[in-house]
Amino acid sequence: MAAIIIRTGEVLEGHLPPKALAMVREWTGIHKDDLLQMWETQAFKKLPPLE
């Protein structure tokens, strides 16, 4: 498990295997604007997975 900085993809805390971290970075890159908006407003919504 890891905490990832949305803006940079940097691992803040914890650890993920390299392949999993790459997938998380790809997904957060795709959904960065939505994730930042949810962080600011605390109005959470479901986001699609990677395809």
N, C-alpha and C. Protein backbone atom coordinates (compact mmCIF):
# COMPACT_ATOMS: atom_id res chain seq x y z
N MET A 1 0.85 -1.16 0.00
CA MET A 1 0.00 0.00 0.00
C MET A 1 0.90 1.23 0.00
N ALA A 2 0.42 2.30 -0.64
CA ALA A 2 1.22 3.52 -0.72
C ALA A 2 0.32 4.74 -0.83
N ALA A 3 0.83 5.87 -0.39
CA ALA A 3 0.19 7.16 -0.59
C ALA A 3 0.96 7.86 -1.70
N ILE A 4 0.23 8.32 -2.71
CA ILE A 4 0.85 8.91 -3.90
C ILE A 4 0.43 10.38 -4.00
N ILE A 5 1.39 11.25 -4.30
CA ILE A 5 1.08 12.66 -4.53
C ILE A 5 0.44 12.78 -5.91
N ILE A 6 -0.78 13.29 -5.98
CA ILE A 6 -1.53 13.34 -7.23
C ILE A 6 -0.81 14.17 -8.29
N ARG A 7 -0.30 15.31 -7.91
CA ARG A 7 0.30 16.23 -8.89
C ARG A 7 1.58 15.68 -9.53
N THR A 8 2.37 14.90 -8.76
CA THR A 8 3.68 14.46 -9.25
C THR A 8 3.82 12.97 -9.47
N GLY A 9 2.96 12.17 -8.86
CA GLY A 9 3.08 10.72 -8.94
C GLY A 9 4.12 10.16 -7.99
N GLU A 10 4.70 11.03 -7.15
CA GLU A 10 5.72 10.61 -6.19
C GLU A 10 5.08 9.80 -5.06
N VAL A 11 5.80 8.78 -4.60
CA VAL A 11 5.34 7.99 -3.46
C VAL A 11 5.64 8.79 -2.20
N LEU A 12 4.59 9.15 -1.47
CA LEU A 12 4.73 9.91 -0.24
C LEU A 12 5.05 8.98 0.93
N GLU A 13 4.38 7.84 0.93
CA GLU A 13 4.54 6.89 2.02
C GLU A 13 4.21 5.50 1.52
N GLY A 14 4.91 4.50 2.00
CA GLY A 14 4.63 3.12 1.65
C GLY A 14 5.42 2.66 0.44
N HIS A 15 4.94 1.58 -0.17
CA HIS A 15 5.65 0.97 -1.29
C HIS A 15 4.66 0.23 -2.19
N LEU A 16 4.91 0.30 -3.48
CA LEU A 16 4.21 -0.51 -4.47
C LEU A 16 5.25 -1.15 -5.38
N PRO A 17 4.99 -2.35 -5.85
CA PRO A 17 5.89 -2.94 -6.85
C PRO A 17 5.95 -2.04 -8.09
N PRO A 18 7.06 -2.05 -8.81
CA PRO A 18 7.22 -1.14 -9.95
C PRO A 18 6.08 -1.17 -10.97
N LYS A 19 5.58 -2.35 -11.32
CA LYS A 19 4.50 -2.44 -12.31
C LYS A 19 3.22 -1.80 -11.77
N ALA A 20 2.90 -2.06 -10.51
CA ALA A 20 1.70 -1.47 -9.89
C ALA A 20 1.84 0.04 -9.80
N LEU A 21 3.03 0.53 -9.44
CA LEU A 21 3.25 1.97 -9.35
C LEU A 21 3.09 2.63 -10.72
N ALA A 22 3.58 1.99 -11.76
CA ALA A 22 3.42 2.53 -13.11
C ALA A 22 1.95 2.62 -13.49
N MET A 23 1.17 1.62 -13.12
CA MET A 23 -0.27 1.64 -13.42
C MET A 23 -0.98 2.74 -12.64
N VAL A 24 -0.61 2.91 -11.38
CA VAL A 24 -1.21 3.98 -10.56
C VAL A 24 -0.86 5.34 -11.14
N ARG A 25 0.39 5.51 -11.54
CA ARG A 25 0.80 6.80 -12.13
C ARG A 25 0.06 7.07 -13.44
N GLU A 26 -0.13 6.05 -14.25
CA GLU A 26 -0.88 6.22 -15.50
C GLU A 26 -2.33 6.62 -15.20
N TRP A 27 -2.96 5.91 -14.26
CA TRP A 27 -4.35 6.19 -13.92
C TRP A 27 -4.50 7.58 -13.32
N THR A 28 -3.61 7.97 -12.40
CA THR A 28 -3.72 9.31 -11.80
C THR A 28 -3.46 10.39 -12.85
N GLY A 29 -2.58 10.11 -13.81
CA GLY A 29 -2.35 11.08 -14.88
C GLY A 29 -3.60 11.31 -15.72
N ILE A 30 -4.31 10.24 -16.00
CA ILE A 30 -5.55 10.34 -16.78
C ILE A 30 -6.62 11.10 -16.02
N HIS A 31 -6.69 10.88 -14.70
CA HIS A 31 -7.78 11.43 -13.89
C HIS A 31 -7.34 12.54 -12.94
N LYS A 32 -6.19 13.16 -13.23
CA LYS A 32 -5.61 14.15 -12.32
C LYS A 32 -6.59 15.27 -11.97
N ASP A 33 -7.24 15.85 -12.96
CA ASP A 33 -8.16 16.97 -12.69
C ASP A 33 -9.31 16.53 -11.78
N ASP A 34 -9.90 15.37 -12.07
CA ASP A 34 -11.00 14.86 -11.24
C ASP A 34 -10.52 14.58 -9.82
N LEU A 35 -9.33 13.97 -9.69
CA LEU A 35 -8.80 13.65 -8.37
C LEU A 35 -8.54 14.91 -7.54
N LEU A 36 -7.95 15.92 -8.17
CA LEU A 36 -7.68 17.17 -7.46
C LEU A 36 -8.98 17.86 -7.04
N GLN A 37 -9.97 17.83 -7.92
CA GLN A 37 -11.27 18.43 -7.58
C GLN A 37 -11.90 17.69 -6.41
N MET A 38 -11.85 16.37 -6.42
CA MET A 38 -12.41 15.60 -5.30
C MET A 38 -11.65 15.89 -4.01
N TRP A 39 -10.34 16.05 -4.09
CA TRP A 39 -9.54 16.36 -2.90
C TRP A 39 -9.97 17.70 -2.31
N GLU A 40 -10.16 18.69 -3.18
CA GLU A 40 -10.54 20.04 -2.73
C GLU A 40 -11.96 20.10 -2.18
N THR A 41 -12.89 19.42 -2.82
CA THR A 41 -14.31 19.55 -2.45
C THR A 41 -14.81 18.44 -1.54
N GLN A 42 -14.06 17.35 -1.46
CA GLN A 42 -14.49 16.16 -0.72
C GLN A 42 -15.80 15.59 -1.28
N ALA A 43 -16.11 15.93 -2.54
CA ALA A 43 -17.27 15.38 -3.24
C ALA A 43 -16.76 14.25 -4.13
N PHE A 44 -16.78 13.04 -3.60
CA PHE A 44 -16.19 11.90 -4.29
C PHE A 44 -17.13 11.31 -5.33
N LYS A 45 -16.53 10.79 -6.39
CA LYS A 45 -17.28 10.13 -7.44
C LYS A 45 -16.45 8.95 -7.95
N LYS A 46 -17.10 8.01 -8.57
CA LYS A 46 -16.43 6.84 -9.10
C LYS A 46 -15.73 7.21 -10.41
N LEU A 47 -14.50 6.76 -10.56
CA LEU A 47 -13.74 6.98 -11.78
C LEU A 47 -13.48 5.63 -12.45
N PRO A 48 -13.44 5.62 -13.78
CA PRO A 48 -13.24 4.35 -14.48
C PRO A 48 -11.83 3.81 -14.29
N PRO A 49 -11.67 2.49 -14.36
CA PRO A 49 -10.34 1.88 -14.25
C PRO A 49 -9.56 2.04 -15.55
N LEU A 50 -8.30 1.64 -15.54
CA LEU A 50 -7.52 1.60 -16.77
C LEU A 50 -8.13 0.55 -17.70
N GLU A 51 -7.98 0.77 -18.97
CA GLU A 51 -8.49 -0.21 -19.93
C GLU A 51 -7.37 -1.00 -20.53
